[in-house]
Amino acid sequence: MRKSYVINNIKLNEFDALIKITVEMSKYLYPYIKEILKSKEDFEENPVIWNDFNKRFIELIQERFNVDSMRVKKLLNQAENEEIIIKSLLILSFCISNQGYQKLKNFLYHF
């Protein structure tokens, strides 16, 4: 889904390495992830954090992904992306557990 001029598939060991890095970063970012999810729950009282996160998420997608892809268009569609964002944040928040690596790997294989 990323912008790329060369069609190449990621190798399994590279995929595993990226998952390990993501799990470690999610541990580091857990307080922020928790705050974003909490902001979504209390959207009426505090929409700022959720709106900032959602805006930045869309900016990064547009900047780094192939916006002509149907999957990417779905991520950019405000009506459809909220569920994907929340599910992704929940999975990242679960990555702080001992089974975080396996949980994230399973999620990405079935995405």
PDB file of N, CA and C in Angstrom:
ATOM      1  N   MET A   1       0.812  -1.193   0.000  1.00  0.00           N
ATOM      2  CA  MET A   1       0.000   0.000   0.000  1.00  0.00           C
ATOM      3  C   MET A   1       0.857   1.260   0.000  1.00  0.00           C
ATOM      4  N   ARG A   2       2.128   1.121   0.291  1.00  0.00           N
ATOM      5  CA  ARG A   2       3.003   2.294   0.336  1.00  0.00           C
ATOM      6  C   ARG A   2       3.356   2.753  -1.062  1.00  0.00           C
ATOM      7  N   LYS A   3       3.745   4.017  -1.166  1.00  0.00           N
ATOM      8  CA  LYS A   3       4.239   4.539  -2.432  1.00  0.00           C
ATOM      9  C   LYS A   3       5.566   3.871  -2.716  1.00  0.00           C
ATOM     10  N   SER A   4       5.692   3.321  -3.900  1.00  0.00           N
ATOM     11  CA  SER A   4       6.944   2.672  -4.248  1.00  0.00           C
ATOM     12  C   SER A   4       7.044   2.589  -5.754  1.00  0.00           C
ATOM     13  N   TYR A   5       8.226   2.824  -6.266  1.00  0.00           N
ATOM     14  CA  TYR A   5       8.440   2.726  -7.697  1.00  0.00           C
ATOM     15  C   TYR A   5       8.946   1.346  -8.080  1.00  0.00           C
ATOM     16  N   VAL A   6       9.299   0.574  -7.103  1.00  0.00           N
ATOM     17  CA  VAL A   6       9.785  -0.779  -7.330  1.00  0.00           C
ATOM     18  C   VAL A   6       8.844  -1.731  -6.608  1.00  0.00           C
ATOM     19  N   ILE A   7       8.342  -2.700  -7.340  1.00  0.00           N
ATOM     20  CA  ILE A   7       7.466  -3.680  -6.709  1.00  0.00           C
ATOM     21  C   ILE A   7       8.345  -4.730  -6.051  1.00  0.00           C
ATOM     22  N   ASN A   8       8.325  -4.751  -4.740  1.00  0.00           N
ATOM     23  CA  ASN A   8       9.097  -5.740  -4.009  1.00  0.00           C
ATOM     24  C   ASN A   8       8.321  -6.161  -2.773  1.00  0.00           C
ATOM     25  N   ASN A   9       8.405  -7.406  -2.477  1.00  0.00           N
ATOM     26  CA  ASN A   9       7.729  -7.938  -1.306  1.00  0.00           C
ATOM     27  C   ASN A   9       8.686  -7.949  -0.122  1.00  0.00           C
ATOM     28  N   ILE A  10       8.124  -7.730   1.033  1.00  0.00           N
ATOM     29  CA  ILE A  10       8.932  -7.750   2.241  1.00  0.00           C
ATOM     30  C   ILE A  10       9.261  -9.202   2.605  1.00  0.00           C
ATOM     31  N   LYS A  11      10.474  -9.408   3.041  1.00  0.00           N
ATOM     32  CA  LYS A  11      10.900 -10.751   3.445  1.00  0.00           C
ATOM     33  C   LYS A  11      10.353 -11.048   4.839  1.00  0.00           C
ATOM     34  N   LEU A  12      10.175 -12.313   5.149  1.00  0.00           N
ATOM     35  CA  LEU A  12       9.592 -12.720   6.420  1.00  0.00           C
ATOM     36  C   LEU A  12      10.410 -12.226   7.611  1.00  0.00           C
ATOM     37  N   ASN A  13      11.732 -12.301   7.509  1.00  0.00           N
ATOM     38  CA  ASN A  13      12.554 -11.824   8.628  1.00  0.00           C
ATOM     39  C   ASN A  13      12.458 -10.303   8.792  1.00  0.00           C
ATOM     40  N   GLU A  14      12.284  -9.576   7.695  1.00  0.00           N
ATOM     41  CA  GLU A  14      12.078  -8.120   7.784  1.00  0.00           C
ATOM     42  C   GLU A  14      10.720  -7.809   8.414  1.00  0.00           C
ATOM     43  N   PHE A  15       9.710  -8.584   8.039  1.00  0.00           N
ATOM     44  CA  PHE A  15       8.366  -8.429   8.605  1.00  0.00           C
ATOM     45  C   PHE A  15       8.408  -8.658  10.116  1.00  0.00           C
ATOM     46  N   ASP A  16       9.075  -9.724  10.539  1.00  0.00           N
ATOM     47  CA  ASP A  16       9.208 -10.017  11.967  1.00  0.00           C
ATOM     48  C   ASP A  16       9.956  -8.901  12.701  1.00  0.00           C
ATOM     49  N   ALA A  17      10.999  -8.375  12.076  1.00  0.00           N
ATOM     50  CA  ALA A  17      11.758  -7.286  12.696  1.00  0.00           C
ATOM     51  C   ALA A  17      10.897  -6.041  12.858  1.00  0.00           C
ATOM     52  N   LEU A  18      10.098  -5.721  11.853  1.00  0.00           N
ATOM     53  CA  LEU A  18       9.212  -4.564  11.947  1.00  0.00           C
ATOM     54  C   LEU A  18       8.161  -4.749  13.038  1.00  0.00           C
ATOM     55  N   ILE A  19       7.671  -5.969  13.192  1.00  0.00           N
ATOM     56  CA  ILE A  19       6.704  -6.249  14.258  1.00  0.00           C
ATOM     57  C   ILE A  19       7.355  -6.045  15.620  1.00  0.00           C
ATOM     58  N   LYS A  20       8.581  -6.538  15.782  1.00  0.00           N
ATOM     59  CA  LYS A  20       9.288  -6.376  17.054  1.00  0.00           C
ATOM     60  C   LYS A  20       9.518  -4.899  17.379  1.00  0.00           C
ATOM     61  N   ILE A  21       9.890  -4.125  16.377  1.00  0.00           N
ATOM     62  CA  ILE A  21      10.094  -2.689  16.586  1.00  0.00           C
ATOM     63  C   ILE A  21       8.774  -2.023  16.970  1.00  0.00           C
ATOM     64  N   THR A  22       7.706  -2.388  16.286  1.00  0.00           N
ATOM     65  CA  THR A  22       6.392  -1.806  16.567  1.00  0.00           C
ATOM     66  C   THR A  22       5.937  -2.140  17.977  1.00  0.00           C
ATOM     67  N   VAL A  23       6.155  -3.365  18.408  1.00  0.00           N
ATOM     68  CA  VAL A  23       5.781  -3.767  19.762  1.00  0.00           C
ATOM     69  C   VAL A  23       6.547  -2.946  20.791  1.00  0.00           C
ATOM     70  N   GLU A  24       7.839  -2.777  20.582  1.00  0.00           N
ATOM     71  CA  GLU A  24       8.636  -1.985  21.526  1.00  0.00           C
ATOM     72  C   GLU A  24       8.196  -0.522  21.531  1.00  0.00           C
ATOM     73  N   MET A  25       7.887   0.021  20.367  1.00  0.00           N
ATOM     74  CA  MET A  25       7.414   1.413  20.300  1.00  0.00           C
ATOM     75  C   MET A  25       6.041   1.556  20.944  1.00  0.00           C
ATOM     76  N   SER A  26       5.191   0.540  20.803  1.00  0.00           N
ATOM     77  CA  SER A  26       3.860   0.627  21.424  1.00  0.00           C
ATOM     78  C   SER A  26       3.976   0.623  22.944  1.00  0.00           C
ATOM     79  N   LYS A  27       4.973  -0.083  23.470  1.00  0.00           N
ATOM     80  CA  LYS A  27       5.204  -0.054  24.921  1.00  0.00           C
ATOM     81  C   LYS A  27       5.592   1.354  25.359  1.00  0.00           C
ATOM     82  N   TYR A  28       6.437   1.971  24.568  1.00  0.00           N
ATOM     83  CA  TYR A  28       6.899   3.326  24.865  1.00  0.00           C
ATOM     84  C   TYR A  28       5.749   4.339  24.728  1.00  0.00           C
ATOM     85  N   LEU A  29       4.896   4.142  23.720  1.00  0.00           N
ATOM     86  CA  LEU A  29       3.810   5.086  23.425  1.00  0.00           C
ATOM     87  C   LEU A  29       2.485   4.737  24.100  1.00  0.00           C
ATOM     88  N   TYR A  30       2.471   3.713  24.935  1.00  0.00           N
ATOM     89  CA  TYR A  30       1.221   3.272  25.542  1.00  0.00           C
ATOM     90  C   TYR A  30       0.452   4.396  26.243  1.00  0.00           C
ATOM     91  N   PRO A  31       1.090   5.266  27.023  1.00  0.00           N
ATOM     92  CA  PRO A  31       0.308   6.345  27.663  1.00  0.00           C
ATOM     93  C   PRO A  31      -0.414   7.234  26.638  1.00  0.00           C
ATOM     94  N   TYR A  32       0.245   7.523  25.535  1.00  0.00           N
ATOM     95  CA  TYR A  32      -0.366   8.341  24.490  1.00  0.00           C
ATOM     96  C   TYR A  32      -1.518   7.587  23.810  1.00  0.00           C
ATOM     97  N   ILE A  33      -1.307   6.310  23.512  1.00  0.00           N
ATOM     98  CA  ILE A  33      -2.360   5.484  22.899  1.00  0.00           C
ATOM     99  C   ILE A  33      -3.582   5.439  23.815  1.00  0.00           C
ATOM    100  N   LYS A  34      -3.325   5.245  25.084  1.00  0.00           N
ATOM    101  CA  LYS A  34      -4.410   5.196  26.070  1.00  0.00           C
ATOM    102  C   LYS A  34      -5.175   6.521  26.097  1.00  0.00           C
ATOM    103  N   GLU A  35      -4.456   7.627  26.031  1.00  0.00           N
ATOM    104  CA  GLU A  35      -5.087   8.953  26.041  1.00  0.00           C
ATOM    105  C   GLU A  35      -5.934   9.181  24.783  1.00  0.00           C
ATOM    106  N   ILE A  36      -5.462   8.712  23.654  1.00  0.00           N
ATOM    107  CA  ILE A  36      -6.231   8.842  22.404  1.00  0.00           C
ATOM    108  C   ILE A  36      -7.534   8.059  22.501  1.00  0.00           C
ATOM    109  N   LEU A  37      -7.444   6.822  22.969  1.00  0.00           N
ATOM    110  CA  LEU A  37      -8.644   6.001  23.104  1.00  0.00           C
ATOM    111  C   LEU A  37      -9.613   6.593  24.122  1.00  0.00           C
ATOM    112  N   LYS A  38      -9.078   7.116  25.200  1.00  0.00           N
ATOM    113  CA  LYS A  38      -9.918   7.742  26.218  1.00  0.00           C
ATOM    114  C   LYS A  38     -10.614   8.981  25.645  1.00  0.00           C
ATOM    115  N   SER A  39      -9.896   9.727  24.828  1.00  0.00           N
ATOM    116  CA  SER A  39     -10.469  10.907  24.192  1.00  0.00           C
ATOM    117  C   SER A  39     -11.618  10.521  23.264  1.00  0.00           C
ATOM    118  N   LYS A  40     -11.480   9.401  22.593  1.00  0.00           N
ATOM    119  CA  LYS A  40     -12.557   8.942  21.703  1.00  0.00           C
ATOM    120  C   LYS A  40     -13.792   8.562  22.514  1.00  0.00           C
ATOM    121  N   GLU A  41     -13.588   7.928  23.665  1.00  0.00           N
ATOM    122  CA  GLU A  41     -14.707   7.560  24.533  1.00  0.00           C
ATOM    123  C   GLU A  41     -15.414   8.797  25.074  1.00  0.00           C
ATOM    124  N   ASP A  42     -14.651   9.819  25.432  1.00  0.00           N
ATOM    125  CA  ASP A  42     -15.199  11.063  25.985  1.00  0.00           C
ATOM    126  C   ASP A  42     -15.186  12.160  24.926  1.00  0.00           C
ATOM    127  N   PHE A  43     -15.588  11.817  23.729  1.00  0.00           N
ATOM    128  CA  PHE A  43     -15.467  12.730  22.603  1.00  0.00           C
ATOM    129  C   PHE A  43     -16.220  14.042  22.830  1.00  0.00           C
ATOM    130  N   GLU A  44     -17.364  13.968  23.461  1.00  0.00           N
ATOM    131  CA  GLU A  44     -18.153  15.186  23.699  1.00  0.00           C
ATOM    132  C   GLU A  44     -17.413  16.158  24.618  1.00  0.00           C
ATOM    133  N   GLU A  45     -16.704  15.624  25.595  1.00  0.00           N
ATOM    134  CA  GLU A  45     -15.998  16.465  26.564  1.00  0.00           C
ATOM    135  C   GLU A  45     -14.621  16.912  26.083  1.00  0.00           C
ATOM    136  N   ASN A  46     -13.929  16.034  25.340  1.00  0.00           N
ATOM    137  CA  ASN A  46     -12.552  16.332  24.955  1.00  0.00           C
ATOM    138  C   ASN A  46     -12.246  15.785  23.556  1.00  0.00           C
ATOM    139  N   PRO A  47     -12.736  16.441  22.511  1.00  0.00           N
ATOM    140  CA  PRO A  47     -12.497  15.941  21.156  1.00  0.00           C
ATOM    141  C   PRO A  47     -11.125  16.315  20.586  1.00  0.00           C
ATOM    142  N   VAL A  48     -10.381  17.150  21.258  1.00  0.00           N
ATOM    143  CA  VAL A  48      -9.145  17.698  20.707  1.00  0.00           C
ATOM    144  C   VAL A  48      -8.116  16.600  20.416  1.00  0.00           C
ATOM    145  N   ILE A  49      -7.861  15.745  21.382  1.00  0.00           N
ATOM    146  CA  ILE A  49      -6.822  14.717  21.210  1.00  0.00           C
ATOM    147  C   ILE A  49      -7.192  13.773  20.069  1.00  0.00           C
ATOM    148  N   TRP A  50      -8.446  13.312  20.061  1.00  0.00           N
ATOM    149  CA  TRP A  50      -8.873  12.396  18.990  1.00  0.00           C
ATOM    150  C   TRP A  50      -8.793  13.088  17.629  1.00  0.00           C
ATOM    151  N   ASN A  51      -9.276  14.310  17.537  1.00  0.00           N
ATOM    152  CA  ASN A  51      -9.255  15.029  16.262  1.00  0.00           C
ATOM    153  C   ASN A  51      -7.836  15.275  15.771  1.00  0.00           C
ATOM    154  N   ASP A  52      -6.941  15.630  16.681  1.00  0.00           N
ATOM    155  CA  ASP A  52      -5.536  15.832  16.304  1.00  0.00           C
ATOM    156  C   ASP A  52      -4.914  14.534  15.797  1.00  0.00           C
ATOM    157  N   PHE A  53      -5.168  13.459  16.523  1.00  0.00           N
ATOM    158  CA  PHE A  53      -4.624  12.174  16.108  1.00  0.00           C
ATOM    159  C   PHE A  53      -5.182  11.760  14.748  1.00  0.00           C
ATOM    160  N   ASN A  54      -6.490  11.868  14.567  1.00  0.00           N
ATOM    161  CA  ASN A  54      -7.130  11.465  13.317  1.00  0.00           C
ATOM    162  C   ASN A  54      -6.610  12.303  12.151  1.00  0.00           C
ATOM    163  N   LYS A  55      -6.439  13.598  12.361  1.00  0.00           N
ATOM    164  CA  LYS A  55      -5.915  14.481  11.321  1.00  0.00           C
ATOM    165  C   LYS A  55      -4.495  14.071  10.938  1.00  0.00           C
ATOM    166  N   ARG A  56      -3.656  13.821  11.938  1.00  0.00           N
ATOM    167  CA  ARG A  56      -2.262  13.433  11.664  1.00  0.00           C
ATOM    168  C   ARG A  56      -2.186  12.071  10.984  1.00  0.00           C
ATOM    169  N   PHE A  57      -3.050  11.146  11.395  1.00  0.00           N
ATOM    170  CA  PHE A  57      -3.119   9.819  10.783  1.00  0.00           C
ATOM    171  C   PHE A  57      -3.402   9.948   9.284  1.00  0.00           C
ATOM    172  N   ILE A  58      -4.390  10.748   8.938  1.00  0.00           N
ATOM    173  CA  ILE A  58      -4.762  10.936   7.531  1.00  0.00           C
ATOM    174  C   ILE A  58      -3.636  11.623   6.762  1.00  0.00           C
ATOM    175  N   GLU A  59      -3.002  12.608   7.368  1.00  0.00           N
ATOM    176  CA  GLU A  59      -1.875  13.277   6.721  1.00  0.00           C
ATOM    177  C   GLU A  59      -0.755  12.297   6.401  1.00  0.00           C
ATOM    178  N   LEU A  60      -0.432  11.435   7.349  1.00  0.00           N
ATOM    179  CA  LEU A  60       0.633  10.447   7.124  1.00  0.00           C
ATOM    180  C   LEU A  60       0.261   9.449   6.032  1.00  0.00           C
ATOM    181  N   ILE A  61      -0.984   9.035   6.010  1.00  0.00           N
ATOM    182  CA  ILE A  61      -1.441   8.110   4.962  1.00  0.00           C
ATOM    183  C   ILE A  61      -1.292   8.775   3.592  1.00  0.00           C
ATOM    184  N   GLN A  62      -1.761   9.997   3.469  1.00  0.00           N
ATOM    185  CA  GLN A  62      -1.688  10.713   2.188  1.00  0.00           C
ATOM    186  C   GLN A  62      -0.244  10.953   1.763  1.00  0.00           C
ATOM    187  N   GLU A  63       0.614  11.190   2.717  1.00  0.00           N
ATOM    188  CA  GLU A  63       2.014  11.497   2.435  1.00  0.00           C
ATOM    189  C   GLU A  63       2.811  10.263   2.019  1.00  0.00           C
ATOM    190  N   ARG A  64       2.515   9.119   2.635  1.00  0.00           N
ATOM    191  CA  ARG A  64       3.390   7.958   2.483  1.00  0.00           C
ATOM    192  C   ARG A  64       2.792   6.773   1.738  1.00  0.00           C
ATOM    193  N   PHE A  65       1.491   6.785   1.517  1.00  0.00           N
ATOM    194  CA  PHE A  65       0.854   5.643   0.882  1.00  0.00           C
ATOM    195  C   PHE A  65       0.369   6.002  -0.513  1.00  0.00           C
ATOM    196  N   ASN A  66       0.109   4.979  -1.281  1.00  0.00           N
ATOM    197  CA  ASN A  66      -0.427   5.131  -2.624  1.00  0.00           C
ATOM    198  C   ASN A  66      -1.920   5.416  -2.515  1.00  0.00           C
ATOM    199  N   VAL A  67      -2.321   6.662  -2.689  1.00  0.00           N
ATOM    200  CA  VAL A  67      -3.716   7.054  -2.477  1.00  0.00           C
ATOM    201  C   VAL A  67      -4.645   6.554  -3.580  1.00  0.00           C
ATOM    202  N   ASP A  68      -4.104   5.946  -4.616  1.00  0.00           N
ATOM    203  CA  ASP A  68      -4.941   5.360  -5.669  1.00  0.00           C
ATOM    204  C   ASP A  68      -5.385   3.944  -5.324  1.00  0.00           C
ATOM    205  N   SER A  69      -4.777   3.353  -4.316  1.00  0.00           N
ATOM    206  CA  SER A  69      -5.135   2.008  -3.883  1.00  0.00           C
ATOM    207  C   SER A  69      -6.491   2.019  -3.182  1.00  0.00           C
ATOM    208  N   MET A  70      -7.295   1.010  -3.422  1.00  0.00           N
ATOM    209  CA  MET A  70      -8.621   0.928  -2.798  1.00  0.00           C
ATOM    210  C   MET A  70      -8.509   0.793  -1.281  1.00  0.00           C
ATOM    211  N   ARG A  71      -7.533   0.034  -0.812  1.00  0.00           N
ATOM    212  CA  ARG A  71      -7.345  -0.107   0.638  1.00  0.00           C
ATOM    213  C   ARG A  71      -6.995   1.226   1.283  1.00  0.00           C
ATOM    214  N   VAL A  72      -6.166   1.989   0.608  1.00  0.00           N
ATOM    215  CA  VAL A  72      -5.770   3.287   1.139  1.00  0.00           C
ATOM    216  C   VAL A  72      -6.949   4.254   1.092  1.00  0.00           C
ATOM    217  N   LYS A  73      -7.728   4.204   0.047  1.00  0.00           N
ATOM    218  CA  LYS A  73      -8.920   5.061  -0.037  1.00  0.00           C
ATOM    219  C   LYS A  73      -9.868   4.764   1.123  1.00  0.00           C
ATOM    220  N   LYS A  74      -9.961   3.499   1.500  1.00  0.00           N
ATOM    221  CA  LYS A  74     -10.804   3.129   2.637  1.00  0.00           C
ATOM    222  C   LYS A  74     -10.266   3.739   3.932  1.00  0.00           C
ATOM    223  N   LEU A  75      -8.956   3.748   4.081  1.00  0.00           N
ATOM    224  CA  LEU A  75      -8.349   4.368   5.263  1.00  0.00           C
ATOM    225  C   LEU A  75      -8.590   5.871   5.304  1.00  0.00           C
ATOM    226  N   LEU A  76      -8.651   6.491   4.145  1.00  0.00           N
ATOM    227  CA  LEU A  76      -8.845   7.934   4.082  1.00  0.00           C
ATOM    228  C   LEU A  76     -10.304   8.357   4.209  1.00  0.00           C
ATOM    229  N   ASN A  77     -11.207   7.421   4.016  1.00  0.00           N
ATOM    230  CA  ASN A  77     -12.637   7.718   4.102  1.00  0.00           C
ATOM    231  C   ASN A  77     -13.029   7.855   5.571  1.00  0.00           C
ATOM    232  N   GLN A  78     -13.423   9.048   5.980  1.00  0.00           N
ATOM    233  CA  GLN A  78     -13.753   9.327   7.379  1.00  0.00           C
ATOM    234  C   GLN A  78     -14.844   8.402   7.910  1.00  0.00           C
ATOM    235  N   ALA A  79     -15.792   8.037   7.069  1.00  0.00           N
ATOM    236  CA  ALA A  79     -16.892   7.192   7.520  1.00  0.00           C
ATOM    237  C   ALA A  79     -16.439   5.762   7.804  1.00  0.00           C
ATOM    238  N   GLU A  80     -15.401   5.306   7.111  1.00  0.00           N
ATOM    239  CA  GLU A  80     -14.959   3.921   7.255  1.00  0.00           C
ATOM    240  C   GLU A  80     -13.700   3.751   8.092  1.00  0.00           C
ATOM    241  N   ASN A  81     -12.888   4.788   8.207  1.00  0.00           N
ATOM    242  CA  ASN A  81     -11.580   4.596   8.835  1.00  0.00           C
ATOM    243  C   ASN A  81     -11.619   4.569  10.359  1.00  0.00           C
ATOM    244  N   GLU A  82     -12.666   5.097  10.956  1.00  0.00           N
ATOM    245  CA  GLU A  82     -12.713   5.178  12.414  1.00  0.00           C
ATOM    246  C   GLU A  82     -12.605   3.795  13.065  1.00  0.00           C
ATOM    247  N   GLU A  83     -13.331   2.833  12.528  1.00  0.00           N
ATOM    248  CA  GLU A  83     -13.278   1.476  13.086  1.00  0.00           C
ATOM    249  C   GLU A  83     -11.873   0.882  12.942  1.00  0.00           C
ATOM    250  N   ILE A  84     -11.252   1.113  11.801  1.00  0.00           N
ATOM    251  CA  ILE A  84      -9.904   0.599  11.561  1.00  0.00           C
ATOM    252  C   ILE A  84      -8.905   1.249  12.519  1.00  0.00           C
ATOM    253  N   ILE A  85      -9.040   2.553  12.714  1.00  0.00           N
ATOM    254  CA  ILE A  85      -8.131   3.272  13.609  1.00  0.00           C
ATOM    255  C   ILE A  85      -8.280   2.771  15.037  1.00  0.00           C
ATOM    256  N   ILE A  86      -9.506   2.660  15.498  1.00  0.00           N
ATOM    257  CA  ILE A  86      -9.741   2.203  16.875  1.00  0.00           C
ATOM    258  C   ILE A  86      -9.223   0.786  17.065  1.00  0.00           C
ATOM    259  N   LYS A  87      -9.505  -0.080  16.104  1.00  0.00           N
ATOM    260  CA  LYS A  87      -9.032  -1.467  16.197  1.00  0.00           C
ATOM    261  C   LYS A  87      -7.498  -1.509  16.222  1.00  0.00           C
ATOM    262  N   SER A  88      -6.865  -0.711  15.388  1.00  0.00           N
ATOM    263  CA  SER A  88      -5.400  -0.670  15.350  1.00  0.00           C
ATOM    264  C   SER A  88      -4.819  -0.157  16.663  1.00  0.00           C
ATOM    265  N   LEU A  89      -5.420   0.890  17.218  1.00  0.00           N
ATOM    266  CA  LEU A  89      -4.952   1.420  18.497  1.00  0.00           C
ATOM    267  C   LEU A  89      -5.136   0.406  19.624  1.00  0.00           C
ATOM    268  N   LEU A  90      -6.255  -0.308  19.603  1.00  0.00           N
ATOM    269  CA  LEU A  90      -6.473  -1.340  20.624  1.00  0.00           C
ATOM    270  C   LEU A  90      -5.425  -2.439  20.511  1.00  0.00           C
ATOM    271  N   ILE A  91      -5.145  -2.868  19.300  1.00  0.00           N
ATOM    272  CA  ILE A  91      -4.128  -3.903  19.097  1.00  0.00           C
ATOM    273  C   ILE A  91      -2.766  -3.397  19.590  1.00  0.00           C
ATOM    274  N   LEU A  92      -2.430  -2.155  19.270  1.00  0.00           N
ATOM    275  CA  LEU A  92      -1.157  -1.600  19.747  1.00  0.00           C
ATOM    276  C   LEU A  92      -1.122  -1.518  21.267  1.00  0.00           C
ATOM    277  N   SER A  93      -2.260  -1.207  21.871  1.00  0.00           N
ATOM    278  CA  SER A  93      -2.284  -1.145  23.338  1.00  0.00           C
ATOM    279  C   SER A  93      -2.137  -2.533  23.948  1.00  0.00           C
ATOM    280  N   PHE A  94      -2.599  -3.561  23.245  1.00  0.00           N
ATOM    281  CA  PHE A  94      -2.428  -4.933  23.734  1.00  0.00           C
ATOM    282  C   PHE A  94      -0.997  -5.431  23.541  1.00  0.00           C
ATOM    283  N   CYS A  95      -0.214  -4.747  22.729  1.00  0.00           N
ATOM    284  CA  CYS A  95       1.158  -5.164  22.451  1.00  0.00           C
ATOM    285  C   CYS A  95       2.076  -5.014  23.645  1.00  0.00           C
ATOM    286  N   ILE A  96       1.646  -4.324  24.674  1.00  0.00           N
ATOM    287  CA  ILE A  96       2.525  -4.159  25.827  1.00  0.00           C
ATOM    288  C   ILE A  96       2.587  -5.419  26.676  1.00  0.00           C
ATOM    289  N   SER A  97       1.699  -6.369  26.399  1.00  0.00           N
ATOM    290  CA  SER A  97       1.698  -7.616  27.165  1.00  0.00           C
ATOM    291  C   SER A  97       2.843  -8.516  26.706  1.00  0.00           C
ATOM    292  N   ASN A  98       3.014  -9.627  27.400  1.00  0.00           N
ATOM    293  CA  ASN A  98       4.063 -10.591  27.046  1.00  0.00           C
ATOM    294  C   ASN A  98       3.815 -11.230  25.682  1.00  0.00           C
ATOM    295  N   GLN A  99       2.551 -11.321  25.287  1.00  0.00           N
ATOM    296  CA  GLN A  99       2.202 -11.919  23.995  1.00  0.00           C
ATOM    297  C   GLN A  99       2.004 -10.854  22.914  1.00  0.00           C
ATOM    298  N   GLY A 100       2.495  -9.657  23.140  1.00  0.00           N
ATOM    299  CA  GLY A 100       2.290  -8.543  22.221  1.00  0.00           C
ATOM    300  C   GLY A 100       2.774  -8.824  20.814  1.00  0.00           C
ATOM    301  N   TYR A 101       3.938  -9.438  20.702  1.00  0.00           N
ATOM    302  CA  TYR A 101       4.497  -9.751  19.389  1.00  0.00           C
ATOM    303  C   TYR A 101       3.552 -10.660  18.617  1.00  0.00           C
ATOM    304  N   GLN A 102       3.085 -11.724  19.264  1.00  0.00           N
ATOM    305  CA  GLN A 102       2.214 -12.686  18.589  1.00  0.00           C
ATOM    306  C   GLN A 102       0.859 -12.069  18.254  1.00  0.00           C
ATOM    307  N   LYS A 103       0.322 -11.234  19.134  1.00  0.00           N
ATOM    308  CA  LYS A 103      -0.969 -10.579  18.882  1.00  0.00           C
ATOM    309  C   LYS A 103      -0.884  -9.671  17.661  1.00  0.00           C
ATOM    310  N   LEU A 104       0.174  -8.879  17.587  1.00  0.00           N
ATOM    311  CA  LEU A 104       0.322  -7.971  16.456  1.00  0.00           C
ATOM    312  C   LEU A 104       0.559  -8.747  15.162  1.00  0.00           C
ATOM    313  N   LYS A 105       1.354  -9.777  15.235  1.00  0.00           N
ATOM    314  CA  LYS A 105       1.632 -10.595  14.053  1.00  0.00           C
ATOM    315  C   LYS A 105       0.339 -11.217  13.525  1.00  0.00           C
ATOM    316  N   ASN A 106      -0.479 -11.769  14.405  1.00  0.00           N
ATOM    317  CA  ASN A 106      -1.753 -12.353  13.991  1.00  0.00           C
ATOM    318  C   ASN A 106      -2.682 -11.307  13.384  1.00  0.00           C
ATOM    319  N   PHE A 107      -2.737 -10.127  14.000  1.00  0.00           N
ATOM    320  CA  PHE A 107      -3.573  -9.046  13.484  1.00  0.00           C
ATOM    321  C   PHE A 107      -3.156  -8.657  12.070  1.00  0.00           C
ATOM    322  N   LEU A 108      -1.845  -8.505  11.858  1.00  0.00           N
ATOM    323  CA  LEU A 108      -1.366  -8.075  10.542  1.00  0.00           C
ATOM    324  C   LEU A 108      -1.533  -9.147   9.475  1.00  0.00           C
ATOM    325  N   TYR A 109      -1.403 -10.403   9.851  1.00  0.00           N
ATOM    326  CA  TYR A 109      -1.610 -11.484   8.880  1.00  0.00           C
ATOM    327  C   TYR A 109      -3.054 -11.539   8.409  1.00  0.00           C
ATOM    328  N   HIS A 110      -3.979 -11.114   9.250  1.00  0.00           N
ATOM    329  CA  HIS A 110      -5.405 -11.211   8.909  1.00  0.00           C
ATOM    330  C   HIS A 110      -5.995  -9.871   8.479  1.00  0.00           C
ATOM    331  N   PHE A 111      -5.163  -8.846   8.300  1.00  0.00           N
ATOM    332  CA  PHE A 111      -5.658  -7.513   7.935  1.00  0.00           C
ATOM    333  C   PHE A 111      -6.037  -7.481   6.474  1.00  0.00           C
TER     334      PHE A 111
END
